[in-house]
Amino acid sequence: MLDILKWWLTIQILGLIGWPIAHRLFAALPGRGWAFGKMLGWLLVGYLFWLLGIFGFLMNTPSGIVFAAALVTIAAGVIAYQDRDALRRFLREERAFIIACEMVLAAFYLLWALHRAYNPDIV
């Protein structure tokens, strides 16, 4: 049960890291990238970690992942600072959309965790 909560927290943290970047990239979409923020956070941190590992700048260790996440966090922080008014306005105006997205994610996450609990085989 604790592992499920750890992964949920990881998903949420990476989603918050990726959201300012998604907000800028997907500005034309109705949700302004909220639903893509978590995927983009995972993608950017994973891709940067892989890329820096391939070129020999990072080792495949937890500290390497934290370093890649820190680099993406710095980039997202710069974007969040530049777009801070738009981000605050979005959070105020689209609260129902954000809650709906988080509920869908939670439902699918819990269903998948339940599925893996009864079928843990790596195939």
N, C-alpha and C. Protein backbone atom coordinates (compact mmCIF):
# COMPACT_ATOMS: atom_id res chain seq x y z
N MET A 1 0.82 -1.19 0.00
CA MET A 1 0.00 0.00 0.00
C MET A 1 0.86 1.25 0.00
N LEU A 2 1.97 1.19 0.72
CA LEU A 2 2.86 2.35 0.78
C LEU A 2 3.48 2.65 -0.58
N ASP A 3 3.77 1.59 -1.35
CA ASP A 3 4.33 1.79 -2.68
C ASP A 3 3.35 2.51 -3.60
N ILE A 4 2.07 2.20 -3.47
CA ILE A 4 1.05 2.87 -4.28
C ILE A 4 1.05 4.37 -3.98
N LEU A 5 1.16 4.71 -2.71
CA LEU A 5 1.19 6.12 -2.33
C LEU A 5 2.47 6.82 -2.78
N LYS A 6 3.59 6.11 -2.73
CA LYS A 6 4.85 6.69 -3.19
C LYS A 6 4.78 7.02 -4.68
N TRP A 7 4.23 6.07 -5.47
CA TRP A 7 4.13 6.31 -6.90
C TRP A 7 3.12 7.41 -7.20
N TRP A 8 2.04 7.47 -6.43
CA TRP A 8 1.06 8.54 -6.62
C TRP A 8 1.71 9.91 -6.37
N LEU A 9 2.50 9.99 -5.31
CA LEU A 9 3.19 11.23 -5.00
C LEU A 9 4.19 11.58 -6.10
N THR A 10 4.89 10.59 -6.61
CA THR A 10 5.84 10.82 -7.71
C THR A 10 5.12 11.34 -8.94
N ILE A 11 3.97 10.75 -9.27
CA ILE A 11 3.19 11.21 -10.41
C ILE A 11 2.77 12.66 -10.21
N GLN A 12 2.32 12.99 -9.02
CA GLN A 12 1.86 14.36 -8.75
C GLN A 12 3.01 15.36 -8.82
N ILE A 13 4.15 15.00 -8.28
CA ILE A 13 5.31 15.92 -8.31
C ILE A 13 5.77 16.14 -9.74
N LEU A 14 5.90 15.07 -10.51
CA LEU A 14 6.32 15.23 -11.90
C LEU A 14 5.27 15.97 -12.72
N GLY A 15 4.00 15.82 -12.34
CA GLY A 15 2.95 16.57 -13.02
C GLY A 15 3.05 18.05 -12.74
N LEU A 16 3.37 18.41 -11.51
CA LEU A 16 3.54 19.82 -11.18
C LEU A 16 4.78 20.40 -11.85
N ILE A 17 5.80 19.58 -12.02
CA ILE A 17 7.00 20.03 -12.72
C ILE A 17 6.68 20.27 -14.20
N GLY A 18 5.93 19.38 -14.80
CA GLY A 18 5.64 19.47 -16.23
C GLY A 18 4.53 20.44 -16.59
N TRP A 19 3.70 20.82 -15.61
CA TRP A 19 2.54 21.64 -15.94
C TRP A 19 2.85 23.02 -16.52
N PRO A 20 3.80 23.79 -15.97
CA PRO A 20 4.06 25.10 -16.59
C PRO A 20 4.53 24.99 -18.03
N ILE A 21 5.29 23.96 -18.33
CA ILE A 21 5.76 23.75 -19.70
C ILE A 21 4.58 23.36 -20.59
N ALA A 22 3.73 22.47 -20.09
CA ALA A 22 2.55 22.06 -20.86
C ALA A 22 1.59 23.23 -21.05
N HIS A 23 1.48 24.08 -20.04
CA HIS A 23 0.59 25.25 -20.12
C HIS A 23 1.02 26.17 -21.26
N ARG A 24 2.31 26.30 -21.45
CA ARG A 24 2.80 27.14 -22.53
C ARG A 24 2.72 26.42 -23.88
N LEU A 25 3.05 25.13 -23.92
CA LEU A 25 3.05 24.39 -25.19
C LEU A 25 1.64 24.16 -25.74
N PHE A 26 0.70 23.88 -24.85
CA PHE A 26 -0.66 23.53 -25.27
C PHE A 26 -1.64 24.65 -24.95
N ALA A 27 -1.24 25.88 -25.19
CA ALA A 27 -2.08 27.03 -24.86
C ALA A 27 -3.39 27.05 -25.65
N ALA A 28 -3.41 26.45 -26.82
CA ALA A 28 -4.61 26.49 -27.65
C ALA A 28 -5.67 25.47 -27.22
N LEU A 29 -5.29 24.50 -26.40
CA LEU A 29 -6.25 23.49 -25.95
C LEU A 29 -7.16 24.05 -24.86
N PRO A 30 -8.37 23.51 -24.72
CA PRO A 30 -9.29 24.02 -23.69
C PRO A 30 -8.72 23.94 -22.28
N GLY A 31 -8.02 22.88 -21.93
CA GLY A 31 -7.48 22.74 -20.59
C GLY A 31 -6.10 23.32 -20.42
N ARG A 32 -5.59 23.93 -21.47
CA ARG A 32 -4.26 24.56 -21.47
C ARG A 32 -3.15 23.62 -21.01
N GLY A 33 -3.31 22.34 -21.28
CA GLY A 33 -2.25 21.38 -21.02
C GLY A 33 -2.25 20.73 -19.65
N TRP A 34 -3.27 20.98 -18.83
CA TRP A 34 -3.28 20.37 -17.50
C TRP A 34 -3.21 18.85 -17.58
N ALA A 35 -4.01 18.26 -18.45
CA ALA A 35 -4.06 16.80 -18.55
C ALA A 35 -2.75 16.22 -19.10
N PHE A 36 -2.00 17.01 -19.85
CA PHE A 36 -0.74 16.53 -20.41
C PHE A 36 0.46 16.82 -19.52
N GLY A 37 0.27 17.60 -18.47
CA GLY A 37 1.39 18.00 -17.61
C GLY A 37 2.10 16.83 -16.96
N LYS A 38 1.34 15.85 -16.48
CA LYS A 38 1.96 14.70 -15.82
C LYS A 38 2.76 13.87 -16.82
N MET A 39 2.18 13.64 -17.98
CA MET A 39 2.90 12.87 -18.99
C MET A 39 4.14 13.62 -19.47
N LEU A 40 4.01 14.93 -19.63
CA LEU A 40 5.15 15.72 -20.09
C LEU A 40 6.25 15.76 -19.03
N GLY A 41 5.87 15.83 -17.77
CA GLY A 41 6.88 15.79 -16.70
C GLY A 41 7.66 14.48 -16.72
N TRP A 42 6.94 13.35 -16.82
CA TRP A 42 7.60 12.04 -16.92
C TRP A 42 8.51 11.99 -18.14
N LEU A 43 7.98 12.45 -19.27
CA LEU A 43 8.72 12.37 -20.52
C LEU A 43 9.99 13.21 -20.48
N LEU A 44 9.88 14.44 -20.02
CA LEU A 44 11.05 15.32 -20.01
C LEU A 44 12.12 14.84 -19.04
N VAL A 45 11.72 14.44 -17.84
CA VAL A 45 12.71 13.96 -16.87
C VAL A 45 13.35 12.66 -17.37
N GLY A 46 12.53 11.74 -17.86
CA GLY A 46 13.07 10.47 -18.36
C GLY A 46 13.96 10.65 -19.57
N TYR A 47 13.55 11.50 -20.50
CA TYR A 47 14.34 11.71 -21.71
C TYR A 47 15.65 12.41 -21.38
N LEU A 48 15.61 13.41 -20.52
CA LEU A 48 16.83 14.10 -20.14
C LEU A 48 17.79 13.16 -19.40
N PHE A 49 17.23 12.34 -18.51
CA PHE A 49 18.06 11.37 -17.78
C PHE A 49 18.69 10.38 -18.75
N TRP A 50 17.91 9.89 -19.70
CA TRP A 50 18.44 8.95 -20.68
C TRP A 50 19.50 9.60 -21.55
N LEU A 51 19.22 10.81 -22.03
CA LEU A 51 20.14 11.51 -22.91
C LEU A 51 21.46 11.81 -22.20
N LEU A 52 21.40 12.31 -20.98
CA LEU A 52 22.63 12.60 -20.24
C LEU A 52 23.37 11.31 -19.88
N GLY A 53 22.63 10.22 -19.68
CA GLY A 53 23.27 8.94 -19.41
C GLY A 53 23.97 8.37 -20.64
N ILE A 54 23.34 8.52 -21.80
CA ILE A 54 23.94 8.03 -23.05
C ILE A 54 25.26 8.73 -23.34
N PHE A 55 25.29 10.03 -23.09
CA PHE A 55 26.51 10.79 -23.37
C PHE A 55 27.52 10.75 -22.24
N GLY A 56 27.23 10.01 -21.18
CA GLY A 56 28.19 9.80 -20.11
C GLY A 56 28.23 10.88 -19.04
N PHE A 57 27.25 11.78 -19.03
CA PHE A 57 27.24 12.83 -18.01
C PHE A 57 26.63 12.35 -16.70
N LEU A 58 25.75 11.37 -16.76
CA LEU A 58 25.08 10.85 -15.57
C LEU A 58 25.23 9.34 -15.51
N MET A 59 25.25 8.83 -14.28
CA MET A 59 25.21 7.39 -14.07
C MET A 59 23.76 6.99 -13.82
N ASN A 60 23.47 5.73 -14.03
CA ASN A 60 22.12 5.22 -13.81
C ASN A 60 21.91 4.96 -12.31
N THR A 61 21.74 6.05 -11.58
CA THR A 61 21.55 5.99 -10.13
C THR A 61 20.39 6.90 -9.75
N PRO A 62 19.86 6.72 -8.55
CA PRO A 62 18.79 7.64 -8.11
C PRO A 62 19.22 9.11 -8.10
N SER A 63 20.47 9.37 -7.78
CA SER A 63 20.92 10.76 -7.78
C SER A 63 20.94 11.33 -9.19
N GLY A 64 21.18 10.50 -10.18
CA GLY A 64 21.12 10.95 -11.57
C GLY A 64 19.71 11.34 -11.97
N ILE A 65 18.74 10.56 -11.51
CA ILE A 65 17.34 10.89 -11.80
C ILE A 65 16.95 12.19 -11.10
N VAL A 66 17.40 12.36 -9.87
CA VAL A 66 17.10 13.59 -9.14
C VAL A 66 17.75 14.79 -9.84
N PHE A 67 18.95 14.61 -10.36
CA PHE A 67 19.62 15.69 -11.07
C PHE A 67 18.85 16.07 -12.34
N ALA A 68 18.41 15.07 -13.11
CA ALA A 68 17.63 15.35 -14.32
C ALA A 68 16.32 16.04 -13.95
N ALA A 69 15.68 15.58 -12.87
CA ALA A 69 14.44 16.22 -12.43
C ALA A 69 14.70 17.65 -11.99
N ALA A 70 15.84 17.90 -11.37
CA ALA A 70 16.16 19.26 -10.93
C ALA A 70 16.36 20.18 -12.13
N LEU A 71 17.00 19.69 -13.18
CA LEU A 71 17.17 20.51 -14.39
C LEU A 71 15.82 20.86 -15.02
N VAL A 72 14.94 19.88 -15.11
CA VAL A 72 13.61 20.15 -15.67
C VAL A 72 12.83 21.08 -14.75
N THR A 73 12.99 20.93 -13.44
CA THR A 73 12.32 21.80 -12.49
C THR A 73 12.79 23.24 -12.64
N ILE A 74 14.07 23.45 -12.87
CA ILE A 74 14.59 24.80 -13.07
C ILE A 74 13.97 25.41 -14.33
N ALA A 75 13.93 24.65 -15.42
CA ALA A 75 13.32 25.16 -16.65
C ALA A 75 11.84 25.47 -16.44
N ALA A 76 11.14 24.58 -15.75
CA ALA A 76 9.72 24.81 -15.47
C ALA A 76 9.53 26.00 -14.54
N GLY A 77 10.44 26.19 -13.60
CA GLY A 77 10.35 27.32 -12.69
C GLY A 77 10.52 28.65 -13.41
N VAL A 78 11.42 28.69 -14.38
CA VAL A 78 11.61 29.91 -15.17
C VAL A 78 10.34 30.21 -15.96
N ILE A 79 9.77 29.19 -16.58
CA ILE A 79 8.53 29.38 -17.34
C ILE A 79 7.39 29.77 -16.41
N ALA A 80 7.31 29.13 -15.25
CA ALA A 80 6.23 29.45 -14.30
C ALA A 80 6.36 30.89 -13.81
N TYR A 81 7.58 31.35 -13.62
CA TYR A 81 7.77 32.74 -13.18
C TYR A 81 7.34 33.71 -14.28
N GLN A 82 7.67 33.40 -15.51
CA GLN A 82 7.30 34.27 -16.62
C GLN A 82 5.79 34.30 -16.84
N ASP A 83 5.11 33.16 -16.63
CA ASP A 83 3.66 33.05 -16.88
C ASP A 83 2.85 33.03 -15.59
N ARG A 84 3.36 33.56 -14.50
CA ARG A 84 2.72 33.40 -13.20
C ARG A 84 1.29 33.94 -13.15
N ASP A 85 1.01 35.04 -13.82
CA ASP A 85 -0.35 35.58 -13.79
C ASP A 85 -1.33 34.66 -14.53
N ALA A 86 -0.92 34.17 -15.68
CA ALA A 86 -1.78 33.26 -16.45
C ALA A 86 -1.99 31.95 -15.70
N LEU A 87 -0.97 31.45 -15.03
CA LEU A 87 -1.10 30.21 -14.27
C LEU A 87 -2.06 30.38 -13.10
N ARG A 88 -1.94 31.49 -12.37
CA ARG A 88 -2.86 31.74 -11.26
C ARG A 88 -4.30 31.87 -11.75
N ARG A 89 -4.48 32.60 -12.84
CA ARG A 89 -5.81 32.79 -13.40
C ARG A 89 -6.42 31.44 -13.82
N PHE A 90 -5.59 30.59 -14.44
CA PHE A 90 -6.08 29.27 -14.85
C PHE A 90 -6.51 28.44 -13.65
N LEU A 91 -5.71 28.45 -12.59
CA LEU A 91 -6.05 27.68 -11.39
C LEU A 91 -7.35 28.16 -10.75
N ARG A 92 -7.60 29.45 -10.79
CA ARG A 92 -8.85 29.99 -10.23
C ARG A 92 -10.05 29.66 -11.11
N GLU A 93 -9.90 29.83 -12.41
CA GLU A 93 -11.05 29.72 -13.32
C GLU A 93 -11.39 28.28 -13.69
N GLU A 94 -10.43 27.40 -13.70
CA GLU A 94 -10.65 26.04 -14.20
C GLU A 94 -10.57 24.99 -13.09
N ARG A 95 -11.00 25.35 -11.90
CA ARG A 95 -10.93 24.43 -10.77
C ARG A 95 -11.72 23.14 -11.03
N ALA A 96 -12.91 23.24 -11.60
CA ALA A 96 -13.73 22.06 -11.87
C ALA A 96 -13.05 21.14 -12.87
N PHE A 97 -12.43 21.71 -13.90
CA PHE A 97 -11.72 20.91 -14.89
C PHE A 97 -10.54 20.18 -14.25
N ILE A 98 -9.79 20.87 -13.40
CA ILE A 98 -8.64 20.26 -12.73
C ILE A 98 -9.08 19.11 -11.84
N ILE A 99 -10.14 19.31 -11.08
CA ILE A 99 -10.66 18.26 -10.20
C ILE A 99 -11.13 17.06 -11.03
N ALA A 100 -11.80 17.32 -12.15
CA ALA A 100 -12.26 16.22 -13.00
C ALA A 100 -11.08 15.43 -13.56
N CYS A 101 -10.05 16.11 -14.02
CA CYS A 101 -8.86 15.42 -14.54
C CYS A 101 -8.20 14.59 -13.46
N GLU A 102 -8.09 15.13 -12.27
CA GLU A 102 -7.45 14.40 -11.18
C GLU A 102 -8.28 13.19 -10.74
N MET A 103 -9.59 13.31 -10.81
CA MET A 103 -10.45 12.17 -10.46
C MET A 103 -10.32 11.05 -11.49
N VAL A 104 -10.26 11.41 -12.77
CA VAL A 104 -10.07 10.40 -13.81
C VAL A 104 -8.72 9.71 -13.64
N LEU A 105 -7.68 10.49 -13.39
CA LEU A 105 -6.36 9.90 -13.18
C LEU A 105 -6.37 8.98 -11.97
N ALA A 106 -6.98 9.42 -10.87
CA ALA A 106 -7.02 8.60 -9.65
C ALA A 106 -7.78 7.30 -9.89
N ALA A 107 -8.89 7.37 -10.62
CA ALA A 107 -9.67 6.16 -10.89
C ALA A 107 -8.86 5.16 -11.71
N PHE A 108 -8.23 5.63 -12.78
CA PHE A 108 -7.45 4.71 -13.61
C PHE A 108 -6.21 4.22 -12.88
N TYR A 109 -5.59 5.07 -12.09
CA TYR A 109 -4.42 4.65 -11.33
C TYR A 109 -4.78 3.56 -10.33
N LEU A 110 -5.87 3.74 -9.61
CA LEU A 110 -6.28 2.73 -8.64
C LEU A 110 -6.73 1.44 -9.31
N LEU A 111 -7.41 1.55 -10.44
CA LEU A 111 -7.80 0.33 -11.18
C LEU A 111 -6.57 -0.42 -11.67
N TRP A 112 -5.58 0.31 -12.17
CA TRP A 112 -4.37 -0.36 -12.63
C TRP A 112 -3.60 -0.97 -11.46
N ALA A 113 -3.53 -0.29 -10.34
CA ALA A 113 -2.86 -0.85 -9.16
C ALA A 113 -3.56 -2.11 -8.69
N LEU A 114 -4.88 -2.11 -8.72
CA LEU A 114 -5.64 -3.30 -8.35
C LEU A 114 -5.38 -4.44 -9.32
N HIS A 115 -5.35 -4.12 -10.60
CA HIS A 115 -5.04 -5.14 -11.62
C HIS A 115 -3.66 -5.73 -11.39
N ARG A 116 -2.66 -4.88 -11.15
CA ARG A 116 -1.30 -5.38 -10.94
C ARG A 116 -1.18 -6.16 -9.63
N ALA A 117 -2.00 -5.84 -8.65
CA ALA A 117 -1.96 -6.58 -7.39
C ALA A 117 -2.40 -8.03 -7.59
N TYR A 118 -3.34 -8.23 -8.48
CA TYR A 118 -3.82 -9.59 -8.74
C TYR A 118 -3.09 -10.28 -9.88
N ASN A 119 -2.33 -9.51 -10.66
CA ASN A 119 -1.58 -10.09 -11.77
C ASN A 119 -0.19 -9.44 -11.81
N PRO A 120 0.70 -9.80 -10.89
CA PRO A 120 2.00 -9.13 -10.80
C PRO A 120 3.05 -9.66 -11.76
N ASP A 121 2.69 -10.61 -12.61
CA ASP A 121 3.69 -11.22 -13.51
C ASP A 121 4.23 -10.19 -14.49
N ILE A 122 5.53 -10.26 -14.72
CA ILE A 122 6.16 -9.44 -15.75
C ILE A 122 6.21 -10.32 -16.99
N VAL A 123 5.45 -9.92 -17.97
CA VAL A 123 5.35 -10.74 -19.19
C VAL A 123 5.91 -9.95 -20.35
